[in-house]
Amino acid sequence: MKFRLATTADATELLKIYKPYVEKTAITFEYEVPTVEDFAQRIEKTASVFPYLLAIENGKIIGYAYAGRYRERAAYDWVVELSIYLDENERHHGTGTILYEKLLTALSLLNYQRAYACITYPNPASMAFHEKFGFEAIGIFQKSGYKFGKWYGIQWMDLLLQKDEQVQPIKLITDLSSETIKKILE
């Protein structure tokens, strides 16, 4: 398996992975599958600031994980929200674990203090996945999203990324050297 940073040229392949989550699950609260153009814009906006990592096997993208802004106010700048999506046929093979390890390593190097995961509730498998990295449940918002004629809650989980509470300036993913990025992706 190989790993690399996403680009807008990956939008079509990533959208193929994301589409079943929109159409068949409440894992995402989107109702409509975005267009390739819209998805490419999302990638561009995110990947210019945050790590947006791909897992590739036999030349095919089989999963992706990225961090994004938690909220717009400046005081939130040291906190990120994470997302991960795997090809339907690639779940439970360890790809997600490796992607998350690499993502969390990158976020630590970029000086983020905390990572949040927002999980459709209930979702015991996703909670267990996050718990193995040390995420802790911090709250449930009941009936937060309505999809497929049913209400779903959201479970928030939290992970401390830095041992020192003294904040350092946040770096962009583009601030990391190519050597550092290469080490993260190995």
N, C-alpha and C. Protein backbone atom coordinates (compact mmCIF):
# COMPACT_ATOMS: atom_id res chain seq x y z
N MET A 1 0.84 -1.18 0.00
CA MET A 1 0.00 0.00 0.00
C MET A 1 0.88 1.23 0.00
N LYS A 2 0.48 2.23 -0.77
CA LYS A 2 1.20 3.50 -0.83
C LYS A 2 0.28 4.62 -0.37
N PHE A 3 0.90 5.72 0.02
CA PHE A 3 0.15 6.87 0.52
C PHE A 3 0.70 8.12 -0.13
N ARG A 4 -0.19 9.08 -0.38
CA ARG A 4 0.23 10.38 -0.90
C ARG A 4 -0.81 11.41 -0.54
N LEU A 5 -0.45 12.68 -0.80
CA LEU A 5 -1.38 13.77 -0.58
C LEU A 5 -2.36 13.86 -1.74
N ALA A 6 -3.58 14.22 -1.45
CA ALA A 6 -4.61 14.35 -2.47
C ALA A 6 -4.42 15.63 -3.27
N THR A 7 -4.89 15.60 -4.51
CA THR A 7 -4.96 16.79 -5.36
C THR A 7 -6.36 16.84 -5.97
N THR A 8 -6.67 17.95 -6.60
CA THR A 8 -7.99 18.07 -7.24
C THR A 8 -8.17 17.04 -8.35
N ALA A 9 -7.08 16.56 -8.93
CA ALA A 9 -7.16 15.54 -9.98
C ALA A 9 -7.72 14.23 -9.45
N ASP A 10 -7.76 14.06 -8.13
CA ASP A 10 -8.28 12.83 -7.53
C ASP A 10 -9.79 12.88 -7.29
N ALA A 11 -10.42 13.98 -7.61
CA ALA A 11 -11.83 14.18 -7.25
C ALA A 11 -12.74 13.06 -7.75
N THR A 12 -12.58 12.62 -8.97
CA THR A 12 -13.45 11.58 -9.53
C THR A 12 -13.33 10.29 -8.74
N GLU A 13 -12.11 9.87 -8.45
CA GLU A 13 -11.91 8.62 -7.70
C GLU A 13 -12.39 8.74 -6.26
N LEU A 14 -12.14 9.87 -5.63
CA LEU A 14 -12.59 10.05 -4.25
C LEU A 14 -14.10 10.11 -4.17
N LEU A 15 -14.71 10.72 -5.17
CA LEU A 15 -16.17 10.80 -5.19
C LEU A 15 -16.80 9.42 -5.35
N LYS A 16 -16.14 8.52 -6.07
CA LYS A 16 -16.64 7.13 -6.18
C LYS A 16 -16.65 6.45 -4.82
N ILE A 17 -15.68 6.76 -3.99
CA ILE A 17 -15.64 6.20 -2.63
C ILE A 17 -16.73 6.84 -1.77
N TYR A 18 -16.90 8.14 -1.89
CA TYR A 18 -17.83 8.90 -1.05
C TYR A 18 -19.29 8.64 -1.40
N LYS A 19 -19.58 8.46 -2.67
CA LYS A 19 -20.95 8.35 -3.17
C LYS A 19 -21.81 7.34 -2.40
N PRO A 20 -21.35 6.10 -2.16
CA PRO A 20 -22.20 5.16 -1.41
C PRO A 20 -22.52 5.62 0.00
N TYR A 21 -21.63 6.38 0.62
CA TYR A 21 -21.90 6.89 1.95
C TYR A 21 -23.06 7.89 1.94
N VAL A 22 -23.15 8.67 0.87
CA VAL A 22 -24.25 9.62 0.73
C VAL A 22 -25.54 8.89 0.42
N GLU A 23 -25.48 7.96 -0.52
CA GLU A 23 -26.68 7.31 -1.02
C GLU A 23 -27.24 6.22 -0.11
N LYS A 24 -26.37 5.57 0.67
CA LYS A 24 -26.80 4.38 1.42
C LYS A 24 -26.71 4.51 2.93
N THR A 25 -26.05 5.54 3.44
CA THR A 25 -25.81 5.61 4.89
C THR A 25 -26.13 7.00 5.44
N ALA A 26 -26.18 7.05 6.75
CA ALA A 26 -26.29 8.34 7.45
C ALA A 26 -24.93 8.73 8.04
N ILE A 27 -23.86 8.09 7.57
CA ILE A 27 -22.52 8.45 8.04
C ILE A 27 -22.21 9.89 7.65
N THR A 28 -22.66 10.29 6.47
CA THR A 28 -22.63 11.70 6.10
C THR A 28 -24.09 12.17 6.06
N PHE A 29 -24.31 13.40 6.44
CA PHE A 29 -25.67 13.94 6.43
C PHE A 29 -26.01 14.62 5.10
N GLU A 30 -25.14 14.50 4.11
CA GLU A 30 -25.48 15.02 2.79
C GLU A 30 -26.59 14.18 2.18
N TYR A 31 -27.50 14.83 1.48
CA TYR A 31 -28.57 14.12 0.78
C TYR A 31 -28.20 13.83 -0.66
N GLU A 32 -27.49 14.76 -1.30
CA GLU A 32 -27.16 14.64 -2.71
C GLU A 32 -25.65 14.45 -2.88
N VAL A 33 -25.29 13.58 -3.82
CA VAL A 33 -23.88 13.38 -4.13
C VAL A 33 -23.37 14.65 -4.82
N PRO A 34 -22.28 15.22 -4.33
CA PRO A 34 -21.74 16.43 -4.97
C PRO A 34 -21.27 16.13 -6.39
N THR A 35 -21.16 17.17 -7.19
CA THR A 35 -20.58 17.01 -8.52
C THR A 35 -19.07 16.84 -8.38
N VAL A 36 -18.45 16.34 -9.42
CA VAL A 36 -16.99 16.21 -9.41
C VAL A 36 -16.35 17.58 -9.22
N GLU A 37 -16.91 18.60 -9.85
CA GLU A 37 -16.37 19.96 -9.73
C GLU A 37 -16.45 20.46 -8.30
N ASP A 38 -17.61 20.24 -7.67
CA ASP A 38 -17.76 20.66 -6.27
C ASP A 38 -16.80 19.91 -5.36
N PHE A 39 -16.64 18.62 -5.63
CA PHE A 39 -15.74 17.81 -4.80
C PHE A 39 -14.30 18.26 -4.98
N ALA A 40 -13.92 18.58 -6.22
CA ALA A 40 -12.57 19.09 -6.49
C ALA A 40 -12.33 20.39 -5.73
N GLN A 41 -13.34 21.25 -5.67
CA GLN A 41 -13.20 22.51 -4.92
C GLN A 41 -13.03 22.24 -3.43
N ARG A 42 -13.73 21.26 -2.90
CA ARG A 42 -13.57 20.89 -1.49
C ARG A 42 -12.14 20.41 -1.22
N ILE A 43 -11.66 19.56 -2.12
CA ILE A 43 -10.29 19.06 -1.96
C ILE A 43 -9.30 20.21 -1.98
N GLU A 44 -9.45 21.10 -2.95
CA GLU A 44 -8.52 22.23 -3.09
C GLU A 44 -8.52 23.10 -1.83
N LYS A 45 -9.70 23.41 -1.33
CA LYS A 45 -9.82 24.26 -0.14
C LYS A 45 -9.16 23.59 1.07
N THR A 46 -9.42 22.31 1.25
CA THR A 46 -8.88 21.59 2.41
C THR A 46 -7.39 21.32 2.28
N ALA A 47 -6.99 20.78 1.13
CA ALA A 47 -5.60 20.34 0.94
C ALA A 47 -4.59 21.48 0.90
N SER A 48 -5.06 22.70 0.71
CA SER A 48 -4.14 23.83 0.71
C SER A 48 -3.71 24.22 2.12
N VAL A 49 -4.43 23.71 3.12
CA VAL A 49 -4.17 24.06 4.51
C VAL A 49 -3.86 22.83 5.36
N PHE A 50 -4.67 21.79 5.20
CA PHE A 50 -4.63 20.63 6.08
C PHE A 50 -4.12 19.38 5.35
N PRO A 51 -3.70 18.37 6.11
CA PRO A 51 -3.35 17.10 5.49
C PRO A 51 -4.60 16.45 4.89
N TYR A 52 -4.47 15.98 3.67
CA TYR A 52 -5.55 15.26 2.96
C TYR A 52 -4.86 14.06 2.33
N LEU A 53 -4.95 12.91 2.99
CA LEU A 53 -4.15 11.75 2.65
C LEU A 53 -4.94 10.68 1.91
N LEU A 54 -4.26 10.03 0.96
CA LEU A 54 -4.86 8.94 0.19
C LEU A 54 -4.12 7.65 0.45
N ALA A 55 -4.86 6.54 0.44
CA ALA A 55 -4.28 5.20 0.47
C ALA A 55 -4.50 4.59 -0.91
N ILE A 56 -3.43 4.04 -1.47
CA ILE A 56 -3.48 3.50 -2.83
C ILE A 56 -2.97 2.07 -2.82
N GLU A 57 -3.73 1.19 -3.45
CA GLU A 57 -3.29 -0.20 -3.58
C GLU A 57 -3.52 -0.64 -5.02
N ASN A 58 -2.47 -1.21 -5.59
CA ASN A 58 -2.51 -1.66 -6.99
C ASN A 58 -2.97 -0.54 -7.92
N GLY A 59 -2.49 0.67 -7.66
CA GLY A 59 -2.79 1.81 -8.51
C GLY A 59 -4.16 2.42 -8.31
N LYS A 60 -4.94 1.92 -7.36
CA LYS A 60 -6.31 2.41 -7.13
C LYS A 60 -6.40 3.05 -5.75
N ILE A 61 -7.03 4.22 -5.68
CA ILE A 61 -7.28 4.87 -4.39
C ILE A 61 -8.35 4.04 -3.66
N ILE A 62 -8.02 3.61 -2.45
CA ILE A 62 -8.96 2.78 -1.69
C ILE A 62 -9.47 3.46 -0.42
N GLY A 63 -8.95 4.64 -0.13
CA GLY A 63 -9.42 5.37 1.03
C GLY A 63 -8.75 6.71 1.16
N TYR A 64 -9.37 7.57 1.94
CA TYR A 64 -8.80 8.89 2.19
C TYR A 64 -9.21 9.39 3.57
N ALA A 65 -8.37 10.22 4.12
CA ALA A 65 -8.62 10.83 5.42
C ALA A 65 -8.07 12.25 5.40
N TYR A 66 -8.77 13.14 6.06
CA TYR A 66 -8.31 14.53 6.08
C TYR A 66 -8.77 15.23 7.35
N ALA A 67 -8.13 16.34 7.61
CA ALA A 67 -8.52 17.21 8.71
C ALA A 67 -9.12 18.47 8.10
N GLY A 68 -9.98 19.09 8.86
CA GLY A 68 -10.59 20.34 8.42
C GLY A 68 -10.80 21.26 9.60
N ARG A 69 -11.12 22.47 9.27
CA ARG A 69 -11.37 23.49 10.29
C ARG A 69 -12.57 23.08 11.13
N TYR A 70 -12.45 23.23 12.44
CA TYR A 70 -13.57 22.91 13.32
C TYR A 70 -14.61 24.04 13.30
N ARG A 71 -14.16 25.25 13.51
CA ARG A 71 -15.04 26.42 13.51
C ARG A 71 -14.26 27.61 12.97
N GLU A 72 -14.95 28.67 12.65
CA GLU A 72 -14.34 29.83 11.99
C GLU A 72 -13.63 30.79 12.92
N ARG A 73 -14.01 30.91 14.16
CA ARG A 73 -13.41 31.89 15.07
C ARG A 73 -11.94 31.56 15.35
N ALA A 74 -11.12 32.58 15.48
CA ALA A 74 -9.66 32.43 15.63
C ALA A 74 -9.25 31.56 16.82
N ALA A 75 -9.99 31.61 17.90
CA ALA A 75 -9.61 30.83 19.08
C ALA A 75 -9.68 29.32 18.83
N TYR A 76 -10.38 28.90 17.78
CA TYR A 76 -10.48 27.49 17.43
C TYR A 76 -9.35 27.01 16.53
N ASP A 77 -8.42 27.87 16.17
CA ASP A 77 -7.41 27.53 15.17
C ASP A 77 -6.55 26.31 15.52
N TRP A 78 -6.45 25.95 16.78
CA TRP A 78 -5.59 24.83 17.18
C TRP A 78 -6.35 23.50 17.27
N VAL A 79 -7.59 23.52 16.80
CA VAL A 79 -8.46 22.34 16.86
C VAL A 79 -8.91 21.99 15.45
N VAL A 80 -8.92 20.69 15.14
CA VAL A 80 -9.37 20.23 13.82
C VAL A 80 -10.43 19.16 13.98
N GLU A 81 -11.22 19.00 12.93
CA GLU A 81 -12.20 17.91 12.85
C GLU A 81 -11.73 16.95 11.76
N LEU A 82 -11.82 15.66 12.03
CA LEU A 82 -11.30 14.65 11.12
C LEU A 82 -12.41 13.95 10.35
N SER A 83 -12.05 13.47 9.16
CA SER A 83 -12.96 12.67 8.34
C SER A 83 -12.16 11.55 7.69
N ILE A 84 -12.80 10.41 7.51
CA ILE A 84 -12.18 9.28 6.83
C ILE A 84 -13.25 8.51 6.07
N TYR A 85 -12.89 8.12 4.86
CA TYR A 85 -13.79 7.32 4.01
C TYR A 85 -12.98 6.26 3.31
N LEU A 86 -13.48 5.03 3.35
CA LEU A 86 -12.82 3.92 2.70
C LEU A 86 -13.74 3.32 1.65
N ASP A 87 -13.14 2.79 0.59
CA ASP A 87 -13.89 2.03 -0.39
C ASP A 87 -14.68 0.97 0.35
N GLU A 88 -15.92 0.73 -0.09
CA GLU A 88 -16.79 -0.24 0.59
C GLU A 88 -16.14 -1.61 0.75
N ASN A 89 -15.30 -1.99 -0.19
CA ASN A 89 -14.66 -3.31 -0.17
C ASN A 89 -13.36 -3.34 0.60
N GLU A 90 -12.95 -2.22 1.15
CA GLU A 90 -11.65 -2.12 1.83
C GLU A 90 -11.76 -1.93 3.33
N ARG A 91 -12.96 -1.94 3.84
CA ARG A 91 -13.13 -1.75 5.27
C ARG A 91 -12.70 -2.99 6.02
N HIS A 92 -12.18 -2.80 7.21
CA HIS A 92 -11.74 -3.88 8.11
C HIS A 92 -10.49 -4.59 7.61
N HIS A 93 -9.67 -3.91 6.80
CA HIS A 93 -8.41 -4.48 6.33
C HIS A 93 -7.20 -3.72 6.87
N GLY A 94 -7.42 -2.74 7.75
CA GLY A 94 -6.32 -1.99 8.35
C GLY A 94 -5.98 -0.68 7.65
N THR A 95 -6.59 -0.43 6.50
CA THR A 95 -6.29 0.80 5.76
C THR A 95 -6.63 2.04 6.56
N GLY A 96 -7.79 2.04 7.19
CA GLY A 96 -8.22 3.20 7.98
C GLY A 96 -7.27 3.49 9.14
N THR A 97 -6.80 2.45 9.78
CA THR A 97 -5.87 2.61 10.90
C THR A 97 -4.58 3.28 10.43
N ILE A 98 -4.04 2.81 9.33
CA ILE A 98 -2.80 3.40 8.82
C ILE A 98 -3.02 4.84 8.39
N LEU A 99 -4.11 5.11 7.69
CA LEU A 99 -4.41 6.49 7.27
C LEU A 99 -4.51 7.41 8.48
N TYR A 100 -5.23 6.97 9.51
CA TYR A 100 -5.41 7.82 10.70
C TYR A 100 -4.09 8.04 11.43
N GLU A 101 -3.25 7.01 11.52
CA GLU A 101 -1.94 7.19 12.15
C GLU A 101 -1.14 8.26 11.44
N LYS A 102 -1.14 8.23 10.13
CA LYS A 102 -0.40 9.21 9.34
C LYS A 102 -1.01 10.61 9.49
N LEU A 103 -2.32 10.67 9.48
CA LEU A 103 -3.01 11.95 9.63
C LEU A 103 -2.71 12.56 10.99
N LEU A 104 -2.79 11.77 12.04
CA LEU A 104 -2.53 12.28 13.39
C LEU A 104 -1.08 12.71 13.57
N THR A 105 -0.16 11.98 12.95
CA THR A 105 1.26 12.38 12.98
C THR A 105 1.43 13.74 12.32
N ALA A 106 0.85 13.91 11.15
CA ALA A 106 0.95 15.20 10.44
C ALA A 106 0.36 16.33 11.26
N LEU A 107 -0.79 16.11 11.85
CA LEU A 107 -1.44 17.16 12.64
C LEU A 107 -0.60 17.56 13.85
N SER A 108 0.04 16.60 14.47
CA SER A 108 0.93 16.91 15.59
C SER A 108 2.10 17.78 15.14
N LEU A 109 2.67 17.45 13.99
CA LEU A 109 3.79 18.23 13.46
C LEU A 109 3.37 19.64 13.04
N LEU A 110 2.09 19.80 12.73
CA LEU A 110 1.56 21.12 12.33
C LEU A 110 1.13 21.94 13.54
N ASN A 111 1.35 21.40 14.74
CA ASN A 111 1.10 22.08 16.02
C ASN A 111 -0.37 22.16 16.45
N TYR A 112 -1.23 21.31 15.88
CA TYR A 112 -2.61 21.28 16.37
C TYR A 112 -2.64 20.66 17.76
N GLN A 113 -3.53 21.17 18.61
CA GLN A 113 -3.63 20.72 19.99
C GLN A 113 -4.62 19.57 20.17
N ARG A 114 -5.73 19.62 19.44
CA ARG A 114 -6.79 18.64 19.62
C ARG A 114 -7.38 18.26 18.28
N ALA A 115 -7.87 17.02 18.22
CA ALA A 115 -8.61 16.55 17.05
C ALA A 115 -9.98 16.08 17.53
N TYR A 116 -11.00 16.45 16.80
CA TYR A 116 -12.36 16.02 17.09
C TYR A 116 -12.84 15.08 15.99
N ALA A 117 -13.65 14.12 16.39
CA ALA A 117 -14.35 13.27 15.45
C ALA A 117 -15.83 13.44 15.73
N CYS A 118 -16.59 13.69 14.70
CA CYS A 118 -18.04 13.81 14.80
C CYS A 118 -18.62 12.57 14.11
N ILE A 119 -19.23 11.70 14.88
CA ILE A 119 -19.67 10.40 14.40
C ILE A 119 -21.19 10.31 14.47
N THR A 120 -21.81 9.87 13.38
CA THR A 120 -23.25 9.64 13.42
C THR A 120 -23.53 8.63 14.53
N TYR A 121 -24.54 8.95 15.34
CA TYR A 121 -24.85 8.13 16.51
C TYR A 121 -26.20 7.45 16.35
N PRO A 122 -26.25 6.15 16.60
CA PRO A 122 -25.20 5.28 17.10
C PRO A 122 -24.32 4.72 15.98
N ASN A 123 -23.06 4.47 16.30
CA ASN A 123 -22.12 3.85 15.38
C ASN A 123 -20.99 3.23 16.21
N PRO A 124 -21.27 2.08 16.83
CA PRO A 124 -20.28 1.47 17.72
C PRO A 124 -18.96 1.15 17.04
N ALA A 125 -18.99 0.78 15.76
CA ALA A 125 -17.74 0.44 15.06
C ALA A 125 -16.85 1.66 14.94
N SER A 126 -17.42 2.81 14.59
CA SER A 126 -16.61 4.02 14.47
C SER A 126 -16.11 4.48 15.83
N MET A 127 -16.94 4.34 16.85
CA MET A 127 -16.48 4.71 18.20
C MET A 127 -15.30 3.84 18.62
N ALA A 128 -15.40 2.54 18.37
CA ALA A 128 -14.30 1.63 18.73
C ALA A 128 -13.04 1.97 17.93
N PHE A 129 -13.20 2.30 16.65
CA PHE A 129 -12.07 2.70 15.81
C PHE A 129 -11.36 3.89 16.43
N HIS A 130 -12.10 4.92 16.81
CA HIS A 130 -11.51 6.12 17.38
C HIS A 130 -10.91 5.87 18.77
N GLU A 131 -11.57 5.04 19.55
CA GLU A 131 -11.07 4.75 20.89
C GLU A 131 -9.70 4.09 20.85
N LYS A 132 -9.40 3.29 19.83
CA LYS A 132 -8.09 2.63 19.78
C LYS A 132 -6.95 3.63 19.56
N PHE A 133 -7.27 4.85 19.13
CA PHE A 133 -6.26 5.92 18.99
C PHE A 133 -6.21 6.79 20.23
N GLY A 134 -7.09 6.54 21.18
CA GLY A 134 -7.12 7.34 22.40
C GLY A 134 -8.21 8.40 22.43
N PHE A 135 -9.05 8.46 21.41
CA PHE A 135 -10.17 9.41 21.44
C PHE A 135 -11.10 9.05 22.59
N GLU A 136 -11.66 10.08 23.20
CA GLU A 136 -12.62 9.90 24.28
C GLU A 136 -13.94 10.54 23.89
N ALA A 137 -15.03 9.89 24.27
CA ALA A 137 -16.36 10.45 24.01
C ALA A 137 -16.55 11.69 24.88
N ILE A 138 -17.03 12.76 24.26
CA ILE A 138 -17.22 13.99 25.03
C ILE A 138 -18.65 14.51 24.96
N GLY A 139 -19.50 13.88 24.16
CA GLY A 139 -20.88 14.33 24.15
C GLY A 139 -21.68 13.78 22.99
N ILE A 140 -22.97 13.68 23.22
CA ILE A 140 -23.90 13.25 22.18
C ILE A 140 -24.93 14.36 21.98
N PHE A 141 -25.13 14.74 20.73
CA PHE A 141 -26.20 15.66 20.38
C PHE A 141 -27.31 14.80 19.78
N GLN A 142 -28.42 14.69 20.47
CA GLN A 142 -29.52 13.86 20.02
C GLN A 142 -30.23 14.50 18.82
N LYS A 143 -30.74 13.67 17.94
CA LYS A 143 -31.58 14.09 16.81
C LYS A 143 -31.00 15.31 16.09
N SER A 144 -29.77 15.18 15.65
CA SER A 144 -29.08 16.29 15.00
C SER A 144 -29.25 16.29 13.49
N GLY A 145 -29.50 15.12 12.91
CA GLY A 145 -29.63 15.03 11.47
C GLY A 145 -30.76 14.10 11.08
N TYR A 146 -31.52 14.51 10.06
CA TYR A 146 -32.66 13.73 9.60
C TYR A 146 -32.36 13.22 8.20
N LYS A 147 -32.29 11.90 8.06
CA LYS A 147 -31.97 11.31 6.77
C LYS A 147 -32.68 9.96 6.67
N PHE A 148 -33.14 9.64 5.48
CA PHE A 148 -33.85 8.38 5.23
C PHE A 148 -35.06 8.22 6.15
N GLY A 149 -35.73 9.32 6.44
CA GLY A 149 -36.95 9.27 7.24
C GLY A 149 -36.71 8.97 8.71
N LYS A 150 -35.51 9.23 9.18
CA LYS A 150 -35.15 8.89 10.55
C LYS A 150 -34.22 9.95 11.13
N TRP A 151 -34.33 10.18 12.44
CA TRP A 151 -33.42 11.08 13.14
C TRP A 151 -32.17 10.34 13.59
N TYR A 152 -31.03 11.02 13.47
CA TYR A 152 -29.75 10.49 13.95
C TYR A 152 -29.11 11.52 14.86
N GLY A 153 -28.43 11.03 15.87
CA GLY A 153 -27.65 11.90 16.73
C GLY A 153 -26.22 11.97 16.21
N ILE A 154 -25.41 12.77 16.87
CA ILE A 154 -23.98 12.80 16.59
C ILE A 154 -23.22 12.65 17.90
N GLN A 155 -22.19 11.82 17.85
CA GLN A 155 -21.30 11.57 18.99
C GLN A 155 -20.00 12.31 18.73
N TRP A 156 -19.62 13.19 19.62
CA TRP A 156 -18.35 13.88 19.51
C TRP A 156 -17.30 13.15 20.32
N MET A 157 -16.12 13.00 19.70
CA MET A 157 -14.98 12.39 20.39
C MET A 157 -13.79 13.33 20.25
N ASP A 158 -12.87 13.23 21.20
CA ASP A 158 -11.79 14.20 21.32
C ASP A 158 -10.47 13.48 21.58
N LEU A 159 -9.40 13.99 20.95
CA LEU A 159 -8.07 13.44 21.16
C LEU A 159 -7.08 14.59 21.36
N LEU A 160 -6.31 14.53 22.44
CA LEU A 160 -5.25 15.50 22.69
C LEU A 160 -4.05 15.13 21.81
N LEU A 161 -3.55 16.09 21.05
CA LEU A 161 -2.43 15.84 20.13
C LEU A 161 -1.08 16.29 20.67
N GLN A 162 -1.08 17.24 21.59
CA GLN A 162 0.17 17.78 22.14
C GLN A 162 0.19 17.57 23.65
N LYS A 163 1.32 17.20 24.17
CA LYS A 163 1.45 17.05 25.63
C LYS A 163 1.58 18.40 26.31
N ASP A 164 2.20 19.34 25.64
CA ASP A 164 2.43 20.67 26.18
C ASP A 164 1.25 21.56 25.80
N GLU A 165 0.63 22.20 26.78
CA GLU A 165 -0.49 23.08 26.50
C GLU A 165 -0.07 24.43 25.94
N GLN A 166 1.23 24.71 25.98
CA GLN A 166 1.74 25.95 25.40
C GLN A 166 1.60 25.86 23.88
N VAL A 167 0.77 26.69 23.30
CA VAL A 167 0.51 26.59 21.87
C VAL A 167 1.66 27.15 21.05
N GLN A 168 1.87 26.55 19.93
CA GLN A 168 2.83 27.01 18.93
C GLN A 168 2.04 27.48 17.72
N PRO A 169 2.62 28.35 16.89
CA PRO A 169 1.90 28.77 15.69
C PRO A 169 1.55 27.57 14.82
N ILE A 170 0.35 27.60 14.29
CA ILE A 170 -0.11 26.54 13.40
C ILE A 170 0.63 26.66 12.07
N LYS A 171 1.02 25.51 11.55
CA LYS A 171 1.64 25.46 10.22
C LYS A 171 0.63 24.90 9.23
N LEU A 172 0.77 25.32 7.99
CA LEU A 172 -0.01 24.73 6.90
C LEU A 172 0.68 23.46 6.45
N ILE A 173 -0.04 22.56 5.84
CA ILE A 173 0.59 21.35 5.31
C ILE A 173 1.68 21.73 4.31
N THR A 174 1.49 22.83 3.60
CA THR A 174 2.49 23.28 2.62
C THR A 174 3.75 23.83 3.28
N ASP A 175 3.71 24.06 4.60
CA ASP A 175 4.89 24.53 5.32
C ASP A 175 5.85 23.39 5.65
N LEU A 176 5.38 22.17 5.60
CA LEU A 176 6.25 21.03 5.89
C LEU A 176 7.18 20.77 4.71
N SER A 177 8.38 20.39 5.02
CA SER A 177 9.34 20.08 3.95
C SER A 177 8.90 18.83 3.21
N SER A 178 9.35 18.69 1.99
CA SER A 178 9.02 17.48 1.22
C SER A 178 9.58 16.24 1.90
N GLU A 179 10.71 16.39 2.58
CA GLU A 179 11.30 15.26 3.31
C GLU A 179 10.40 14.84 4.48
N THR A 180 9.86 15.81 5.20
CA THR A 180 8.97 15.51 6.32
C THR A 180 7.70 14.84 5.81
N ILE A 181 7.13 15.37 4.75
CA ILE A 181 5.92 14.76 4.16
C ILE A 181 6.21 13.35 3.69
N LYS A 182 7.36 13.15 3.09
CA LYS A 182 7.74 11.81 2.62
C LYS A 182 7.80 10.83 3.80
N LYS A 183 8.37 11.27 4.93
CA LYS A 183 8.47 10.41 6.11
C LYS A 183 7.10 10.05 6.65
N ILE A 184 6.19 11.03 6.66
CA ILE A 184 4.83 10.77 7.15
C ILE A 184 4.15 9.73 6.26
N LEU A 185 4.36 9.83 4.97
CA LEU A 185 3.65 8.97 4.01
C LEU A 185 4.29 7.59 3.83
N GLU A 186 5.50 7.39 4.35
CA GLU A 186 6.17 6.09 4.18
C GLU A 186 5.44 4.98 4.92
